[in-house]
Amino acid sequence: MYIHIPFCRVRCTYCNFFQYASSKSLIADYFTALVKELKFKAAQPWTQSYPFQAVYVGGGTPTDLSADQMLTLGKLIREHFPLAPDCEITLEAE
C-alpha cells in the first residue's frame, strides 16, 4: 500500500507531484480527505482479499504531519486493512 503525502519544500528534478511548503491548513484539509479515502478503499472487497506485505507512506514530507495525524493514520491502517504479520511499515523522512 502506498500513501502519498504531497507537501514538499523543494521539488526533486524527477518529480511531478504537488509541492506547497508545508501549509498547515492545506495539510489538515488533505489529511481529512485522506482519512475518508482510506476508509472508502478499506471497504472495497479487493483491499480485504489478501494481506498487505508493506505500507509505504511517502511522496514528500510525511513527517510534516502532526503527531496526532500520524497516530490516527497508523491506527486507521491497522484497524481497517489486513496486514501480514511481518508487514513492513515505512515512513519517508527528509
C-alpha atoms as a PDB file:
ATOM      1  CA  MET A   1       0.000   0.000   0.000  1.00  0.00           C
ATOM      2  CA  TYR A   2       1.311   3.449  -0.854  1.00  0.00           C
ATOM      3  CA  ILE A   3       0.008   6.582   0.856  1.00  0.00           C
ATOM      4  CA  HIS A   4       1.110   9.854  -0.686  1.00  0.00           C
ATOM      5  CA  ILE A   5       1.706  12.962   1.423  1.00  0.00           C
ATOM      6  CA  PRO A   6       2.435  15.652  -1.192  1.00  0.00           C
ATOM      7  CA  PHE A   7       3.830  18.596   0.760  1.00  0.00           C
ATOM      8  CA  CYS A   8       7.435  19.205  -0.239  1.00  0.00           C
ATOM      9  CA  ARG A   9       9.561  22.231   0.465  1.00  0.00           C
ATOM     10  CA  VAL A  10      11.720  21.574  -2.605  1.00  0.00           C
ATOM     11  CA  ARG A  11      10.713  19.733  -5.765  1.00  0.00           C
ATOM     12  CA  CYS A  12      13.085  16.991  -6.850  1.00  0.00           C
ATOM     13  CA  THR A  13      14.106  17.216 -10.509  1.00  0.00           C
ATOM     14  CA  TYR A  14      12.473  13.855 -11.278  1.00  0.00           C
ATOM     15  CA  CYS A  15       9.173  14.565  -9.516  1.00  0.00           C
ATOM     16  CA  ASN A  16       5.955  16.000 -10.938  1.00  0.00           C
ATOM     17  CA  PHE A  17       3.955  15.884  -7.722  1.00  0.00           C
ATOM     18  CA  PHE A  18       2.448  18.856  -5.961  1.00  0.00           C
ATOM     19  CA  GLN A  19       4.579  20.944  -3.671  1.00  0.00           C
ATOM     20  CA  TYR A  20       3.412  23.519  -1.165  1.00  0.00           C
ATOM     21  CA  ALA A  21       5.887  24.276   1.605  1.00  0.00           C
ATOM     22  CA  SER A  22       4.064  22.552   4.435  1.00  0.00           C
ATOM     23  CA  SER A  23       0.973  24.736   4.773  1.00  0.00           C
ATOM     24  CA  LYS A  24      -0.714  23.552   7.995  1.00  0.00           C
ATOM     25  CA  SER A  25      -4.199  24.381   6.693  1.00  0.00           C
ATOM     26  CA  LEU A  26      -3.645  22.501   3.407  1.00  0.00           C
ATOM     27  CA  ILE A  27      -2.168  19.550   5.283  1.00  0.00           C
ATOM     28  CA  ALA A  28      -5.193  19.472   7.619  1.00  0.00           C
ATOM     29  CA  ASP A  29      -7.626  19.572   4.671  1.00  0.00           C
ATOM     30  CA  TYR A  30      -5.647  16.917   2.804  1.00  0.00           C
ATOM     31  CA  PHE A  31      -5.491  14.681   5.871  1.00  0.00           C
ATOM     32  CA  THR A  32      -9.255  14.899   6.394  1.00  0.00           C
ATOM     33  CA  ALA A  33      -9.798  13.856   2.771  1.00  0.00           C
ATOM     34  CA  LEU A  34      -7.144  11.127   3.084  1.00  0.00           C
ATOM     35  CA  VAL A  35      -8.911   9.570   6.083  1.00  0.00           C
ATOM     36  CA  LYS A  36     -12.202   9.484   4.156  1.00  0.00           C
ATOM     37  CA  GLU A  37     -10.499   7.974   1.101  1.00  0.00           C
ATOM     38  CA  LEU A  38      -8.705   5.298   3.124  1.00  0.00           C
ATOM     39  CA  LYS A  39     -11.949   4.278   4.841  1.00  0.00           C
ATOM     40  CA  PHE A  40     -13.658   4.112   1.445  1.00  0.00           C
ATOM     41  CA  LYS A  41     -10.836   1.992  -0.011  1.00  0.00           C
ATOM     42  CA  ALA A  42     -10.831  -0.273   3.059  1.00  0.00           C
ATOM     43  CA  ALA A  43     -14.495  -1.076   2.395  1.00  0.00           C
ATOM     44  CA  GLN A  44     -13.691  -2.443  -1.083  1.00  0.00           C
ATOM     45  CA  PRO A  45     -13.513  -6.241  -1.416  1.00  0.00           C
ATOM     46  CA  TRP A  46     -10.161  -6.160  -3.232  1.00  0.00           C
ATOM     47  CA  THR A  47      -8.425  -4.438  -0.314  1.00  0.00           C
ATOM     48  CA  GLN A  48      -9.624  -7.117   2.095  1.00  0.00           C
ATOM     49  CA  SER A  49      -8.848 -10.129  -0.080  1.00  0.00           C
ATOM     50  CA  TYR A  50      -5.172 -10.524   0.760  1.00  0.00           C
ATOM     51  CA  PRO A  51      -2.953  -9.059   3.490  1.00  0.00           C
ATOM     52  CA  PHE A  52      -0.664  -6.197   2.610  1.00  0.00           C
ATOM     53  CA  GLN A  53       3.023  -7.061   2.838  1.00  0.00           C
ATOM     54  CA  ALA A  54       4.173  -3.443   3.059  1.00  0.00           C
ATOM     55  CA  VAL A  55       2.799   0.016   3.731  1.00  0.00           C
ATOM     56  CA  TYR A  56       4.806   2.952   2.447  1.00  0.00           C
ATOM     57  CA  VAL A  57       3.948   6.500   3.490  1.00  0.00           C
ATOM     58  CA  GLY A  58       5.923   8.898   1.353  1.00  0.00           C
ATOM     59  CA  GLY A  59       5.886  11.283  -1.516  1.00  0.00           C
ATOM     60  CA  GLY A  60       7.330  14.334   0.045  1.00  0.00           C
ATOM     61  CA  THR A  61       7.157  15.160   3.677  1.00  0.00           C
ATOM     62  CA  PRO A  62       5.012  12.742   5.685  1.00  0.00           C
ATOM     63  CA  THR A  63       6.941  13.953   8.710  1.00  0.00           C
ATOM     64  CA  ASP A  64       5.110  17.267   8.338  1.00  0.00           C
ATOM     65  CA  LEU A  65       2.001  15.504   9.620  1.00  0.00           C
ATOM     66  CA  SER A  66       1.386  16.277  13.260  1.00  0.00           C
ATOM     67  CA  ALA A  67       1.960  13.582  15.879  1.00  0.00           C
ATOM     68  CA  ASP A  68      -1.824  13.214  16.233  1.00  0.00           C
ATOM     69  CA  GLN A  69      -2.236  12.836  12.464  1.00  0.00           C
ATOM     70  CA  MET A  70       0.499  10.177  12.321  1.00  0.00           C
ATOM     71  CA  LEU A  71      -1.123   8.311  15.216  1.00  0.00           C
ATOM     72  CA  THR A  72      -4.529   8.496  13.511  1.00  0.00           C
ATOM     73  CA  LEU A  73      -3.053   7.280  10.226  1.00  0.00           C
ATOM     74  CA  GLY A  74      -1.309   4.351  11.895  1.00  0.00           C
ATOM     75  CA  LYS A  75      -4.431   3.305  13.780  1.00  0.00           C
ATOM     76  CA  LEU A  76      -6.563   3.633  10.657  1.00  0.00           C
ATOM     77  CA  ILE A  77      -4.201   1.415   8.643  1.00  0.00           C
ATOM     78  CA  ARG A  78      -4.027  -1.243  11.364  1.00  0.00           C
ATOM     79  CA  GLU A  79      -7.781  -1.231  12.087  1.00  0.00           C
ATOM     80  CA  HIS A  80      -9.124  -1.143   8.528  1.00  0.00           C
ATOM     81  CA  PHE A  81      -6.667  -3.046   6.331  1.00  0.00           C
ATOM     82  CA  PRO A  82      -5.457  -6.643   6.524  1.00  0.00           C
ATOM     83  CA  LEU A  83      -1.710  -6.631   7.203  1.00  0.00           C
ATOM     84  CA  ALA A  84       0.677  -9.563   7.048  1.00  0.00           C
ATOM     85  CA  PRO A  85       2.143 -10.479  10.459  1.00  0.00           C
ATOM     86  CA  ASP A  86       5.544  -9.255   9.248  1.00  0.00           C
ATOM     87  CA  CYS A  87       4.184  -6.247   7.336  1.00  0.00           C
ATOM     88  CA  GLU A  88       6.805  -3.579   6.769  1.00  0.00           C
ATOM     89  CA  ILE A  89       5.561  -0.063   7.529  1.00  0.00           C
ATOM     90  CA  THR A  90       7.823   2.688   6.235  1.00  0.00           C
ATOM     91  CA  LEU A  91       7.578   6.444   6.681  1.00  0.00           C
ATOM     92  CA  GLU A  92       9.714   8.540   4.352  1.00  0.00           C
ATOM     93  CA  ALA A  93      11.504  11.348   6.147  1.00  0.00           C
ATOM     94  CA  GLU A  94      13.569  14.246   4.889  1.00  0.00           C
END
